[in-house]
Amino acid sequence: MIKHIPVLLKETVELLQCKKGGIYIDCTVGAGGHAERILEFTSPDGVVVGIDQDEDILKIAEERLKRFGERIRLMHGNFSDIKGIMKGERADGILFDLGVSSYQLEDKDRGFSFMSDAPLDMRMDKKAGITAADIINRSSERDLSDIIFKYGEERFAKRIASFIVMERERKPIATTLQLSDIVIKAIPARFRPRDIHPATRTFQALRIAVNRELEILEKSLLNAVDILKPKGRICVISFHSLEDRIAKRTFQRLEKGCICPPKIPICQCGIKPSIKIITKRPVTPSEMEIKANPRSRSAKLRAAEKLEARA
């Protein structure tokens, strides 16, 4: 079994202020690393609701967390439906860990990684939506370029899209190594990054597009804050700048409240601040954690606290 190492575990539990009897939601429960620690800290009666799109990984979490009995409630679904999943129940703390798990990256059948040959799938939920192969083979060259540039922040997006279109005219692009080879050829040798694989940004972009990750994130954060109890905490662990930017700006907007133009002396919109940002700067992994788990190196953790309702 692949070893699962939850990122920023100690810092997350501290910022959530886990307490006995609390209700906590792990919106991306994965293999259950964070959920396990939260359940330990909230013993004997704290509850964790674990949500995940991936039914395979929920089975792994179920096995890992079965010793907690009814204190763990695992739900198959997307965190964008957090309100529907909770059915009016409110939470003391909510965690979003937006990374792809080691299990998903290293499952050769899922197509998330260029380290081994696999079908170009990349769906978190294997029953839903289009695959990465669908996007690669059906999108226009312009749309491909836009996806790779917007979601992967890849400077050679146009060139990569052009190479993809030329290759698929010969035969469909169906596997991860096919795509990886195309991307490597598209990026001039002298510009290929040394610290990451040349295809990293393109694969990231496709994964985000397939799973609509950025499209649903802001809405999901707003819904999560809505169902937090007063003084409840929300934590977001992101792994690239696009996710972190959404978390940062959403928190800033909720902390500010009023959306009236600056020139208006008295607030007309009536929107009150709903949170207080706890982490003025994101928490990042220590050198020790990065050494033990290199995949944690790009992680950023932001946290905020729900304000009490004002009259």
Protein backbone atom coordinates (compact mmCIF):
# COMPACT_ATOMS: atom_id res chain seq x y z
CA MET A 1 0.00 0.00 0.00
CA ILE A 2 1.23 3.51 -0.86
CA LYS A 3 2.19 5.52 2.18
CA HIS A 4 -0.07 8.50 2.75
CA ILE A 5 1.46 11.53 4.48
CA PRO A 6 -1.02 14.31 5.30
CA VAL A 7 0.43 17.78 4.70
CA LEU A 8 0.73 20.44 7.44
CA LEU A 9 -1.04 18.09 9.83
CA LYS A 10 -0.01 19.65 13.15
CA GLU A 11 -0.64 23.19 11.91
CA THR A 12 -4.06 22.30 10.50
CA VAL A 13 -5.32 20.68 13.70
CA GLU A 14 -4.08 23.65 15.75
CA LEU A 15 -5.72 26.22 13.48
CA LEU A 16 -9.02 24.30 13.46
CA GLN A 17 -8.97 24.47 17.28
CA CYS A 18 -10.32 20.93 17.47
CA LYS A 19 -12.37 20.28 20.60
CA LYS A 20 -14.29 17.43 22.18
CA GLY A 21 -17.83 17.05 20.90
CA GLY A 22 -17.22 19.22 17.85
CA ILE A 23 -18.45 18.53 14.32
CA TYR A 24 -15.78 18.82 11.64
CA ILE A 25 -15.98 18.47 7.87
CA ASP A 26 -13.04 17.21 5.83
CA CYS A 27 -14.15 18.26 2.36
CA THR A 28 -11.46 16.20 0.62
CA VAL A 29 -11.01 13.35 3.04
CA GLY A 30 -8.78 11.31 0.73
CA ALA A 31 -7.07 8.48 2.61
CA GLY A 32 -8.15 9.97 5.94
CA GLY A 33 -4.89 11.36 7.33
CA HIS A 34 -6.26 14.70 8.51
CA ALA A 35 -9.59 13.16 9.55
CA GLU A 36 -7.79 10.59 11.70
CA ARG A 37 -5.90 13.26 13.66
CA ILE A 38 -9.03 15.40 14.08
CA LEU A 39 -10.92 12.39 15.46
CA GLU A 40 -8.08 11.70 17.89
CA PHE A 41 -8.07 15.30 19.14
CA THR A 42 -11.86 15.40 19.52
CA SER A 43 -12.17 12.12 21.42
CA PRO A 44 -14.41 10.74 22.81
CA ASP A 45 -17.39 12.27 21.02
CA GLY A 46 -16.20 14.54 18.21
CA VAL A 47 -17.55 13.76 14.73
CA VAL A 48 -15.91 14.09 11.31
CA VAL A 49 -17.87 14.16 8.06
CA GLY A 50 -15.49 13.12 5.29
CA ILE A 51 -16.42 14.03 1.71
CA ASP A 52 -14.69 12.80 -1.44
CA GLN A 53 -15.51 12.37 -5.13
CA ASP A 54 -13.34 9.28 -5.43
CA GLU A 55 -15.16 6.13 -4.38
CA ASP A 56 -11.95 4.08 -4.46
CA ILE A 57 -10.18 6.33 -1.99
CA LEU A 58 -13.25 6.42 0.27
CA LYS A 59 -12.82 2.67 0.71
CA ILE A 60 -9.24 3.26 1.87
CA ALA A 61 -10.42 5.96 4.30
CA GLU A 62 -13.17 3.66 5.59
CA GLU A 63 -10.64 0.96 6.43
CA ARG A 64 -8.25 3.43 8.06
CA LEU A 65 -10.94 5.09 10.18
CA LYS A 66 -13.20 2.17 11.08
CA ARG A 67 -11.93 2.13 14.67
CA PHE A 68 -13.78 5.42 15.26
CA GLY A 69 -17.15 3.81 14.58
CA GLU A 70 -20.07 6.21 14.22
CA ARG A 71 -17.82 9.22 14.87
CA ILE A 72 -16.78 9.13 11.20
CA ARG A 73 -19.35 9.68 8.45
CA LEU A 74 -17.97 9.18 4.93
CA MET A 75 -19.91 10.69 2.04
CA HIS A 76 -19.39 10.23 -1.71
CA GLY A 77 -19.86 13.61 -3.35
CA ASN A 78 -18.38 16.93 -4.39
CA PHE A 79 -17.65 19.57 -1.77
CA SER A 80 -19.57 22.07 -3.91
CA ASP A 81 -22.68 20.36 -2.47
CA ILE A 82 -21.55 20.77 1.14
CA LYS A 83 -24.87 22.33 2.18
CA GLY A 84 -26.87 19.49 0.69
CA ILE A 85 -24.59 16.90 2.26
CA MET A 86 -24.88 18.46 5.73
CA LYS A 87 -28.69 18.93 5.48
CA GLY A 88 -28.84 21.94 7.78
CA GLU A 89 -26.25 20.69 10.26
CA ARG A 90 -23.59 23.25 11.20
CA ALA A 91 -19.90 22.65 11.75
CA ASP A 92 -17.24 23.72 14.26
CA GLY A 93 -14.50 23.41 11.67
CA ILE A 94 -14.10 22.77 7.95
CA LEU A 95 -10.99 21.66 6.05
CA PHE A 96 -10.28 21.84 2.33
CA ASP A 97 -7.10 19.95 1.35
CA LEU A 98 -6.96 20.67 -2.38
CA GLY A 99 -4.06 18.41 -3.31
CA VAL A 100 -4.20 15.20 -5.34
CA SER A 101 -3.49 12.27 -3.06
CA SER A 102 -0.54 9.91 -3.40
CA TYR A 103 -3.01 7.10 -4.10
CA GLN A 104 -4.46 8.93 -7.07
CA LEU A 105 -1.09 10.02 -8.44
CA GLU A 106 0.35 6.55 -8.23
CA ASP A 107 -2.69 4.59 -9.39
CA LYS A 108 -1.61 3.66 -12.92
CA ASP A 109 -5.19 3.43 -14.15
CA ARG A 110 -6.18 7.00 -13.25
CA GLY A 111 -3.95 8.96 -15.63
CA PHE A 112 -2.98 11.76 -13.22
CA SER A 113 0.76 11.20 -13.59
CA PHE A 114 3.29 11.13 -16.43
CA MET A 115 5.55 8.79 -14.46
CA SER A 116 3.94 5.67 -15.97
CA ASP A 117 1.81 4.96 -19.02
CA ALA A 118 -1.95 5.04 -18.40
CA PRO A 119 -5.18 6.10 -20.09
CA LEU A 120 -5.64 9.88 -20.12
CA ASP A 121 -8.50 10.03 -17.62
CA MET A 122 -7.79 12.38 -14.64
CA ARG A 123 -11.35 12.29 -13.27
CA MET A 124 -11.61 12.40 -9.49
CA ASP A 125 -15.04 10.80 -9.83
CA LYS A 126 -14.70 8.03 -12.40
CA LYS A 127 -18.44 8.11 -13.12
CA ALA A 128 -18.67 11.80 -13.93
CA GLY A 129 -17.86 14.19 -16.73
CA ILE A 130 -15.35 14.20 -19.53
CA THR A 131 -11.83 12.79 -19.45
CA ALA A 132 -8.51 14.44 -20.19
CA ALA A 133 -8.42 12.46 -23.46
CA ASP A 134 -11.74 14.04 -24.45
CA ILE A 135 -10.33 17.51 -23.92
CA ILE A 136 -7.05 16.75 -25.70
CA ASN A 137 -8.67 15.19 -28.76
CA ARG A 138 -11.80 17.32 -29.15
CA SER A 139 -10.88 20.87 -28.13
CA SER A 140 -9.82 23.47 -30.65
CA GLU A 141 -6.20 24.54 -30.68
CA ARG A 142 -7.16 27.89 -29.18
CA ASP A 143 -9.19 26.31 -26.38
CA LEU A 144 -6.34 23.92 -25.58
CA SER A 145 -3.91 26.81 -25.44
CA ASP A 146 -6.23 28.76 -23.15
CA ILE A 147 -6.64 25.79 -20.78
CA ILE A 148 -2.90 25.11 -20.55
CA PHE A 149 -2.06 28.79 -20.06
CA LYS A 150 -4.88 29.66 -17.64
CA TYR A 151 -4.77 26.59 -15.42
CA GLY A 152 -1.14 25.56 -15.84
CA GLU A 153 0.45 29.02 -16.14
CA GLU A 154 2.56 27.48 -18.90
CA ARG A 155 4.47 30.03 -21.00
CA PHE A 156 4.65 27.66 -23.98
CA ALA A 157 0.90 26.93 -23.98
CA LYS A 158 0.36 27.96 -27.62
CA ARG A 159 3.26 25.87 -28.85
CA ILE A 160 2.15 22.84 -26.81
CA ALA A 161 -1.40 23.15 -28.14
CA SER A 162 -0.08 23.33 -31.69
CA PHE A 163 2.03 20.19 -31.21
CA ILE A 164 -0.96 18.37 -29.70
CA VAL A 165 -3.18 19.22 -32.66
CA MET A 166 -0.54 18.12 -35.16
CA GLU A 167 -0.04 14.81 -33.35
CA ARG A 168 -3.74 14.00 -32.97
CA GLU A 169 -4.23 14.45 -36.73
CA ARG A 170 -1.99 11.39 -37.12
CA LYS A 171 -3.64 9.36 -34.36
CA PRO A 172 -5.69 10.01 -31.20
CA ILE A 173 -3.76 10.88 -28.05
CA ALA A 174 -4.87 8.28 -25.53
CA THR A 175 -2.16 7.81 -22.91
CA THR A 176 -0.18 9.83 -20.41
CA LEU A 177 3.21 9.03 -21.93
CA GLN A 178 1.97 10.01 -25.40
CA LEU A 179 0.99 13.42 -24.06
CA SER A 180 4.12 13.78 -21.95
CA ASP A 181 6.35 13.11 -24.98
CA ILE A 182 4.46 15.71 -27.04
CA VAL A 183 4.86 18.36 -24.34
CA ILE A 184 8.58 17.66 -23.97
CA LYS A 185 9.08 18.04 -27.73
CA ALA A 186 7.05 21.26 -27.78
CA ILE A 187 9.16 23.04 -25.15
CA PRO A 188 12.57 24.10 -26.53
CA ALA A 189 15.35 22.22 -24.72
CA ARG A 190 16.97 25.33 -23.27
CA PHE A 191 13.67 26.41 -21.66
CA ARG A 192 12.72 23.09 -20.08
CA PRO A 193 12.47 23.50 -16.29
CA ARG A 194 15.07 21.76 -14.19
CA ASP A 195 13.16 21.58 -10.92
CA ILE A 196 9.98 19.92 -12.31
CA HIS A 197 9.10 17.62 -15.20
CA PRO A 198 8.38 19.65 -18.38
CA ALA A 199 4.83 18.22 -18.57
CA THR A 200 3.90 19.12 -14.98
CA ARG A 201 2.04 22.33 -15.76
CA THR A 202 0.16 20.85 -18.71
CA PHE A 203 -0.99 17.86 -16.66
CA GLN A 204 -2.03 20.20 -13.83
CA ALA A 205 -4.06 22.30 -16.26
CA LEU A 206 -5.87 19.28 -17.66
CA ARG A 207 -6.67 17.90 -14.21
CA ILE A 208 -8.13 21.25 -13.15
CA ALA A 209 -10.19 21.50 -16.33
CA VAL A 210 -11.48 17.91 -16.13
CA ASN A 211 -12.62 18.29 -12.52
CA ARG A 212 -13.71 21.96 -12.78
CA GLU A 213 -11.61 22.58 -9.68
CA LEU A 214 -11.28 26.37 -9.81
CA GLU A 215 -14.79 26.85 -11.16
CA ILE A 216 -16.35 25.36 -8.02
CA LEU A 217 -13.83 26.42 -5.37
CA GLU A 218 -15.01 29.97 -4.58
CA LYS A 219 -18.67 28.89 -4.41
CA SER A 220 -17.71 26.00 -2.15
CA LEU A 221 -15.76 28.24 0.24
CA LEU A 222 -18.72 30.61 0.51
CA ASN A 223 -21.08 27.72 1.22
CA ALA A 224 -18.68 26.35 3.83
CA VAL A 225 -18.51 29.65 5.69
CA ASP A 226 -22.32 29.80 5.66
CA ILE A 227 -22.62 26.51 7.58
CA LEU A 228 -19.88 27.24 10.11
CA LYS A 229 -20.96 27.92 13.66
CA PRO A 230 -19.94 31.29 15.13
CA LYS A 231 -16.24 31.08 16.09
CA GLY A 232 -15.91 28.00 13.88
CA ARG A 233 -12.75 27.77 11.80
CA ILE A 234 -12.15 27.09 8.09
CA CYS A 235 -8.76 25.94 6.78
CA VAL A 236 -7.67 25.70 3.14
CA ILE A 237 -4.53 23.87 2.02
CA SER A 238 -3.63 24.69 -1.60
CA PHE A 239 -0.82 23.49 -3.80
CA HIS A 240 -0.59 26.03 -6.59
CA SER A 241 -1.01 29.77 -6.96
CA LEU A 242 -4.41 29.68 -8.67
CA GLU A 243 -6.09 27.86 -5.78
CA ASP A 244 -4.28 29.95 -3.19
CA ARG A 245 -5.32 33.17 -4.92
CA ILE A 246 -8.99 32.15 -4.83
CA ALA A 247 -8.79 31.25 -1.14
CA LYS A 248 -6.95 34.47 -0.29
CA ARG A 249 -9.33 36.76 -2.20
CA THR A 250 -12.46 35.00 -0.97
CA PHE A 251 -11.31 35.33 2.64
CA GLN A 252 -10.41 39.00 2.10
CA ARG A 253 -13.81 39.74 0.60
CA LEU A 254 -15.66 38.01 3.44
CA GLU A 255 -13.56 39.82 6.04
CA LYS A 256 -14.20 43.20 4.42
CA GLY A 257 -17.95 42.76 4.00
CA CYS A 258 -19.11 46.03 2.47
CA ILE A 259 -18.92 46.20 -1.34
CA CYS A 260 -19.93 49.84 -1.73
CA PRO A 261 -17.64 52.10 -3.85
CA PRO A 262 -14.93 53.79 -1.71
CA LYS A 263 -16.36 57.27 -2.36
CA ILE A 264 -19.66 56.46 -0.62
CA PRO A 265 -19.25 57.67 3.01
CA ILE A 266 -21.98 55.45 4.50
CA CYS A 267 -22.48 51.79 3.60
CA GLN A 268 -25.53 51.24 1.39
CA CYS A 269 -25.12 47.52 0.63
CA GLY A 270 -25.59 46.30 4.19
CA ILE A 271 -23.10 43.44 3.77
CA LYS A 272 -21.32 42.79 7.06
CA PRO A 273 -17.95 41.10 7.58
CA SER A 274 -18.52 37.37 8.17
CA ILE A 275 -15.03 36.11 9.02
CA LYS A 276 -11.77 37.14 10.61
CA ILE A 277 -8.62 36.00 8.82
CA ILE A 278 -6.34 34.10 11.22
CA THR A 279 -3.34 33.64 8.93
CA LYS A 280 -2.28 37.03 7.60
CA ARG A 281 0.36 35.12 5.64
CA PRO A 282 -0.08 31.50 4.57
CA VAL A 283 1.48 28.78 6.71
CA THR A 284 4.02 26.73 4.76
CA PRO A 285 5.78 23.43 5.51
CA SER A 286 9.00 23.38 7.50
CA GLU A 287 12.24 22.22 5.92
CA MET A 288 11.91 19.04 7.97
CA GLU A 289 8.46 18.30 6.53
CA ILE A 290 9.57 19.01 2.97
CA LYS A 291 12.51 16.65 3.42
CA ALA A 292 10.21 13.91 4.74
CA ASN A 293 7.51 14.59 2.13
CA PRO A 294 8.78 16.45 -0.97
CA ARG A 295 5.23 16.75 -2.32
CA SER A 296 4.45 19.18 0.51
CA ARG A 297 6.90 21.80 -0.75
CA SER A 298 4.31 23.94 -2.56
CA ALA A 299 1.59 23.70 0.12
CA LYS A 300 0.05 26.84 1.63
CA LEU A 301 -2.40 26.84 4.52
CA ARG A 302 -4.85 29.69 5.14
CA ALA A 303 -7.35 29.87 8.00
CA ALA A 304 -10.25 32.09 9.05
CA GLU A 305 -12.78 32.24 11.87
CA LYS A 306 -16.53 32.81 11.54
CA LEU A 307 -17.70 35.97 13.27
CA GLU A 308 -20.70 36.07 15.59
CA ALA A 309 -23.79 37.48 13.92
CA ARG A 310 -24.28 41.19 14.50
CA ALA A 311 -27.60 42.81 15.20
